[in-house]
Amino acid sequence: MSAEATAPAQQDVVQDPSLRADTSPEVPSSPSDAKEKLVPGQDYVAIPGGHPYVDGNDRVEVVEVFGYVCPACARFHPPVSAWVRTLPADVDFRYVPAPFGRDWDPYARGFYVADAMGLVLRTHDALINAIHVQHSMPGEGQSPPTRSSRSSTQALAWMSKAS
């Protein structure tokens, strides 16, 4: 993954109030707050014998598995974006798209294209906004961009213009 993909986003562009869950958990403001407020088995699950997504360092790694068309992921995005901006220097944050089927696959491929081109910071929020707020890109249960309609490259060009 590019270094840009691990950097925090500059702003949260998802403005639709329905995407801001009032019931989202309180986001700790610092690592010491997190240790006091997060309860293993309740707030998170430790993965026994887990391996880092990216090998080669002893840094703390947080990976968000998401889907662009996922309504729950869109609601989770604002608090995660706010939290990512507060991460200490020894924490790496990465996105990993979940290709859970026909509606999700083209967007997952588009993410990897954006990542390879170093454009995730410019496209990630814009695509979530386009799908869930503006409804200008197909969402879950709608026809996704495909090679025969809108290719991943065309979608990426659209996302670049939207940001």
C-alpha atoms as a PDB file:
ATOM      1  CA  MET A   1       0.000   0.000   0.000  1.00  0.00           C
ATOM      2  CA  SER A   2       1.137   3.521  -0.586  1.00  0.00           C
ATOM      3  CA  ALA A   3       2.201   5.792   2.249  1.00  0.00           C
ATOM      4  CA  GLU A   4      -0.752   8.021   1.356  1.00  0.00           C
ATOM      5  CA  ALA A   5      -3.192   5.221   2.161  1.00  0.00           C
ATOM      6  CA  THR A   6      -1.912   5.061   5.752  1.00  0.00           C
ATOM      7  CA  ALA A   7      -2.106   8.809   6.376  1.00  0.00           C
ATOM      8  CA  PRO A   8      -5.201  10.232   8.021  1.00  0.00           C
ATOM      9  CA  ALA A   9      -7.769  11.901   5.804  1.00  0.00           C
ATOM     10  CA  GLN A  10      -7.739  15.693   5.836  1.00  0.00           C
ATOM     11  CA  GLN A  11     -11.468  16.131   6.346  1.00  0.00           C
ATOM     12  CA  ASP A  12     -14.664  14.202   6.642  1.00  0.00           C
ATOM     13  CA  VAL A  13     -16.769  15.063   3.586  1.00  0.00           C
ATOM     14  CA  VAL A  14     -19.764  12.899   4.473  1.00  0.00           C
ATOM     15  CA  GLN A  15     -22.264  15.581   5.445  1.00  0.00           C
ATOM     16  CA  ASP A  16     -25.588  13.708   5.476  1.00  0.00           C
ATOM     17  CA  PRO A  17     -26.785  13.727   9.130  1.00  0.00           C
ATOM     18  CA  SER A  18     -28.371  10.290   8.702  1.00  0.00           C
ATOM     19  CA  LEU A  19     -24.865   8.894   8.180  1.00  0.00           C
ATOM     20  CA  ARG A  20     -23.776  10.210  11.575  1.00  0.00           C
ATOM     21  CA  ALA A  21     -24.931   7.612  14.044  1.00  0.00           C
ATOM     22  CA  ASP A  22     -25.972   9.178  17.344  1.00  0.00           C
ATOM     23  CA  THR A  23     -25.429   5.807  18.946  1.00  0.00           C
ATOM     24  CA  SER A  24     -21.803   5.465  17.887  1.00  0.00           C
ATOM     25  CA  PRO A  25     -19.440   4.626  20.755  1.00  0.00           C
ATOM     26  CA  GLU A  26     -17.465   7.399  22.364  1.00  0.00           C
ATOM     27  CA  VAL A  27     -14.147   7.772  20.581  1.00  0.00           C
ATOM     28  CA  PRO A  28     -11.228   7.941  23.031  1.00  0.00           C
ATOM     29  CA  SER A  29      -9.268  11.175  22.674  1.00  0.00           C
ATOM     30  CA  SER A  30      -5.899   9.662  23.581  1.00  0.00           C
ATOM     31  CA  PRO A  31      -4.268   6.250  23.973  1.00  0.00           C
ATOM     32  CA  SER A  32      -4.444   6.520  27.774  1.00  0.00           C
ATOM     33  CA  ASP A  33      -8.190   7.288  27.544  1.00  0.00           C
ATOM     34  CA  ALA A  34      -8.592   4.256  25.292  1.00  0.00           C
ATOM     35  CA  LYS A  35      -6.923   1.962  27.832  1.00  0.00           C
ATOM     36  CA  GLU A  36      -9.299   3.185  30.526  1.00  0.00           C
ATOM     37  CA  LYS A  37     -12.494   3.017  28.427  1.00  0.00           C
ATOM     38  CA  LEU A  38     -12.096   0.004  26.123  1.00  0.00           C
ATOM     39  CA  VAL A  39     -12.974  -3.393  27.530  1.00  0.00           C
ATOM     40  CA  PRO A  40     -11.536  -6.523  25.880  1.00  0.00           C
ATOM     41  CA  GLY A  41     -14.310  -8.830  24.721  1.00  0.00           C
ATOM     42  CA  GLN A  42     -16.822  -5.999  24.863  1.00  0.00           C
ATOM     43  CA  ASP A  43     -15.286  -3.157  22.823  1.00  0.00           C
ATOM     44  CA  TYR A  44     -12.879  -5.229  20.771  1.00  0.00           C
ATOM     45  CA  VAL A  45     -11.701  -8.770  20.251  1.00  0.00           C
ATOM     46  CA  ALA A  46      -8.050  -9.669  20.551  1.00  0.00           C
ATOM     47  CA  ILE A  47      -7.014 -12.064  17.806  1.00  0.00           C
ATOM     48  CA  PRO A  48      -4.933 -14.847  19.368  1.00  0.00           C
ATOM     49  CA  GLY A  49      -1.845 -15.507  17.279  1.00  0.00           C
ATOM     50  CA  GLY A  50      -2.883 -12.707  14.918  1.00  0.00           C
ATOM     51  CA  HIS A  51      -0.511 -11.496  12.253  1.00  0.00           C
ATOM     52  CA  PRO A  52      -0.101  -7.941  10.987  1.00  0.00           C
ATOM     53  CA  TYR A  53      -1.667  -7.023   7.659  1.00  0.00           C
ATOM     54  CA  VAL A  54       1.700  -5.554   6.662  1.00  0.00           C
ATOM     55  CA  ASP A  55       4.753  -7.346   8.075  1.00  0.00           C
ATOM     56  CA  GLY A  56       8.019  -5.782   9.052  1.00  0.00           C
ATOM     57  CA  ASN A  57       7.490  -3.406  11.941  1.00  0.00           C
ATOM     58  CA  ASP A  58       6.498  -3.350  15.578  1.00  0.00           C
ATOM     59  CA  ARG A  59       4.005  -0.528  15.208  1.00  0.00           C
ATOM     60  CA  VAL A  60       0.393  -0.707  16.287  1.00  0.00           C
ATOM     61  CA  GLU A  61      -1.731  -1.567  13.264  1.00  0.00           C
ATOM     62  CA  VAL A  62      -5.425  -0.812  12.807  1.00  0.00           C
ATOM     63  CA  VAL A  63      -7.146  -2.144   9.694  1.00  0.00           C
ATOM     64  CA  GLU A  64     -10.667  -1.135   8.748  1.00  0.00           C
ATOM     65  CA  VAL A  65     -12.385  -3.697   6.546  1.00  0.00           C
ATOM     66  CA  PHE A  66     -15.126  -1.797   4.734  1.00  0.00           C
ATOM     67  CA  GLY A  67     -17.347  -1.747   1.683  1.00  0.00           C
ATOM     68  CA  TYR A  68     -18.160   1.426  -0.209  1.00  0.00           C
ATOM     69  CA  VAL A  69     -21.788   0.374  -0.742  1.00  0.00           C
ATOM     70  CA  CYS A  70     -22.284  -0.761   2.866  1.00  0.00           C
ATOM     71  CA  PRO A  71     -24.692   1.562   4.741  1.00  0.00           C
ATOM     72  CA  ALA A  72     -23.249   0.537   8.123  1.00  0.00           C
ATOM     73  CA  CYS A  73     -19.734   1.316   6.863  1.00  0.00           C
ATOM     74  CA  ALA A  74     -20.915   4.743   5.708  1.00  0.00           C
ATOM     75  CA  ARG A  75     -22.335   5.416   9.190  1.00  0.00           C
ATOM     76  CA  PHE A  76     -19.103   4.189  10.797  1.00  0.00           C
ATOM     77  CA  HIS A  77     -16.932   6.357   8.542  1.00  0.00           C
ATOM     78  CA  PRO A  78     -17.322   9.758  10.300  1.00  0.00           C
ATOM     79  CA  PRO A  79     -16.283   8.585  13.784  1.00  0.00           C
ATOM     80  CA  VAL A  80     -13.455   6.487  12.332  1.00  0.00           C
ATOM     81  CA  SER A  81     -12.218   9.462  10.282  1.00  0.00           C
ATOM     82  CA  ALA A  82     -12.262  11.668  13.378  1.00  0.00           C
ATOM     83  CA  TRP A  83     -10.446   9.017  15.393  1.00  0.00           C
ATOM     84  CA  VAL A  84      -7.804   8.449  12.697  1.00  0.00           C
ATOM     85  CA  ARG A  85      -6.858  12.143  12.826  1.00  0.00           C
ATOM     86  CA  THR A  86      -5.937  11.711  16.525  1.00  0.00           C
ATOM     87  CA  LEU A  87      -3.774   8.597  16.218  1.00  0.00           C
ATOM     88  CA  PRO A  88      -0.325   8.715  17.797  1.00  0.00           C
ATOM     89  CA  ALA A  89       2.737   8.507  15.578  1.00  0.00           C
ATOM     90  CA  ASP A  90       3.317   4.799  16.321  1.00  0.00           C
ATOM     91  CA  VAL A  91      -0.062   3.704  14.887  1.00  0.00           C
ATOM     92  CA  ASP A  92      -0.618   2.766  11.240  1.00  0.00           C
ATOM     93  CA  PHE A  93      -4.179   2.877   9.903  1.00  0.00           C
ATOM     94  CA  ARG A  94      -5.115   1.027   6.714  1.00  0.00           C
ATOM     95  CA  TYR A  95      -8.279   0.483   4.723  1.00  0.00           C
ATOM     96  CA  VAL A  96      -9.012  -2.958   3.292  1.00  0.00           C
ATOM     97  CA  PRO A  97     -12.041  -3.179   0.985  1.00  0.00           C
ATOM     98  CA  ALA A  98     -14.319  -6.179   1.405  1.00  0.00           C
ATOM     99  CA  PRO A  99     -15.466  -7.550  -1.959  1.00  0.00           C
ATOM    100  CA  PHE A 100     -18.649  -9.278  -0.753  1.00  0.00           C
ATOM    101  CA  GLY A 101     -20.295  -9.688  -4.112  1.00  0.00           C
ATOM    102  CA  ARG A 102     -21.524  -8.099  -7.295  1.00  0.00           C
ATOM    103  CA  ASP A 103     -22.359  -4.697  -5.789  1.00  0.00           C
ATOM    104  CA  TRP A 104     -19.093  -4.495  -3.842  1.00  0.00           C
ATOM    105  CA  ASP A 105     -16.473  -5.929  -6.214  1.00  0.00           C
ATOM    106  CA  PRO A 106     -16.029  -3.021  -8.660  1.00  0.00           C
ATOM    107  CA  TYR A 107     -15.577  -0.568  -5.813  1.00  0.00           C
ATOM    108  CA  ALA A 108     -12.976  -2.831  -4.158  1.00  0.00           C
ATOM    109  CA  ARG A 109     -11.072  -2.952  -7.458  1.00  0.00           C
ATOM    110  CA  GLY A 110     -11.397   0.833  -7.738  1.00  0.00           C
ATOM    111  CA  PHE A 111      -9.930   1.219  -4.239  1.00  0.00           C
ATOM    112  CA  TYR A 112      -6.857  -0.794  -5.241  1.00  0.00           C
ATOM    113  CA  VAL A 113      -6.451   1.300  -8.404  1.00  0.00           C
ATOM    114  CA  ALA A 114      -6.690   4.491  -6.321  1.00  0.00           C
ATOM    115  CA  ASP A 115      -4.237   3.033  -3.797  1.00  0.00           C
ATOM    116  CA  ALA A 116      -1.732   2.094  -6.520  1.00  0.00           C
ATOM    117  CA  MET A 117      -1.999   5.633  -7.916  1.00  0.00           C
ATOM    118  CA  GLY A 118      -1.643   7.267  -4.473  1.00  0.00           C
ATOM    119  CA  LEU A 119      -5.157   8.759  -4.668  1.00  0.00           C
ATOM    120  CA  VAL A 120      -6.975   7.137  -1.729  1.00  0.00           C
ATOM    121  CA  LEU A 121      -6.989  10.338   0.325  1.00  0.00           C
ATOM    122  CA  ARG A 122      -8.623  12.179  -2.580  1.00  0.00           C
ATOM    123  CA  THR A 123     -11.126   9.487  -3.516  1.00  0.00           C
ATOM    124  CA  HIS A 124     -12.195   7.605  -0.382  1.00  0.00           C
ATOM    125  CA  ASP A 125     -14.452  10.229   1.235  1.00  0.00           C
ATOM    126  CA  ALA A 126     -15.658  11.444  -2.154  1.00  0.00           C
ATOM    127  CA  LEU A 127     -16.872   7.980  -3.142  1.00  0.00           C
ATOM    128  CA  ILE A 128     -18.659   7.370   0.162  1.00  0.00           C
ATOM    129  CA  ASN A 129     -20.303  10.785  -0.248  1.00  0.00           C
ATOM    130  CA  ALA A 130     -21.285  10.066  -3.874  1.00  0.00           C
ATOM    131  CA  ILE A 131     -22.886   6.718  -3.002  1.00  0.00           C
ATOM    132  CA  HIS A 132     -24.595   7.515   0.304  1.00  0.00           C
ATOM    133  CA  VAL A 133     -25.264  11.278   0.239  1.00  0.00           C
ATOM    134  CA  GLN A 134     -25.454  12.471  -3.364  1.00  0.00           C
ATOM    135  CA  HIS A 135     -26.666   9.105  -4.700  1.00  0.00           C
ATOM    136  CA  SER A 136     -24.726   9.820  -7.888  1.00  0.00           C
ATOM    137  CA  MET A 137     -23.000   6.416  -7.841  1.00  0.00           C
ATOM    138  CA  PRO A 138     -24.805   3.055  -7.466  1.00  0.00           C
ATOM    139  CA  GLY A 139     -25.153   1.702  -3.938  1.00  0.00           C
ATOM    140  CA  GLU A 140     -26.027  -1.668  -2.453  1.00  0.00           C
ATOM    141  CA  GLY A 141     -28.645  -3.488  -4.507  1.00  0.00           C
ATOM    142  CA  GLN A 142     -28.106  -1.259  -7.550  1.00  0.00           C
ATOM    143  CA  SER A 143     -26.194  -2.021 -10.715  1.00  0.00           C
ATOM    144  CA  PRO A 144     -22.531  -1.364  -9.943  1.00  0.00           C
ATOM    145  CA  PRO A 145     -20.063   0.142 -12.384  1.00  0.00           C
ATOM    146  CA  THR A 146     -18.851  -2.667 -14.632  1.00  0.00           C
ATOM    147  CA  ARG A 147     -16.562  -3.025 -17.589  1.00  0.00           C
ATOM    148  CA  SER A 148     -19.574  -2.743 -19.879  1.00  0.00           C
ATOM    149  CA  SER A 149     -21.037   0.370 -18.210  1.00  0.00           C
ATOM    150  CA  ARG A 150     -18.549   2.400 -16.191  1.00  0.00           C
ATOM    151  CA  SER A 151     -15.090   0.913 -15.807  1.00  0.00           C
ATOM    152  CA  SER A 152     -13.022   1.204 -12.655  1.00  0.00           C
ATOM    153  CA  THR A 153     -10.830   3.692 -14.513  1.00  0.00           C
ATOM    154  CA  GLN A 154     -13.842   5.818 -15.445  1.00  0.00           C
ATOM    155  CA  ALA A 155     -15.127   5.644 -11.860  1.00  0.00           C
ATOM    156  CA  LEU A 156     -11.692   6.687 -10.620  1.00  0.00           C
ATOM    157  CA  ALA A 157     -11.715   9.634 -13.048  1.00  0.00           C
ATOM    158  CA  TRP A 158     -15.132  10.597 -11.707  1.00  0.00           C
ATOM    159  CA  MET A 159     -13.897  10.338  -8.105  1.00  0.00           C
ATOM    160  CA  SER A 160     -10.877  12.523  -8.898  1.00  0.00           C
ATOM    161  CA  LYS A 161     -13.183  15.224 -10.282  1.00  0.00           C
ATOM    162  CA  ALA A 162     -15.523  14.927  -7.300  1.00  0.00           C
ATOM    163  CA  SER A 163     -12.813  15.519  -4.746  1.00  0.00           C
END
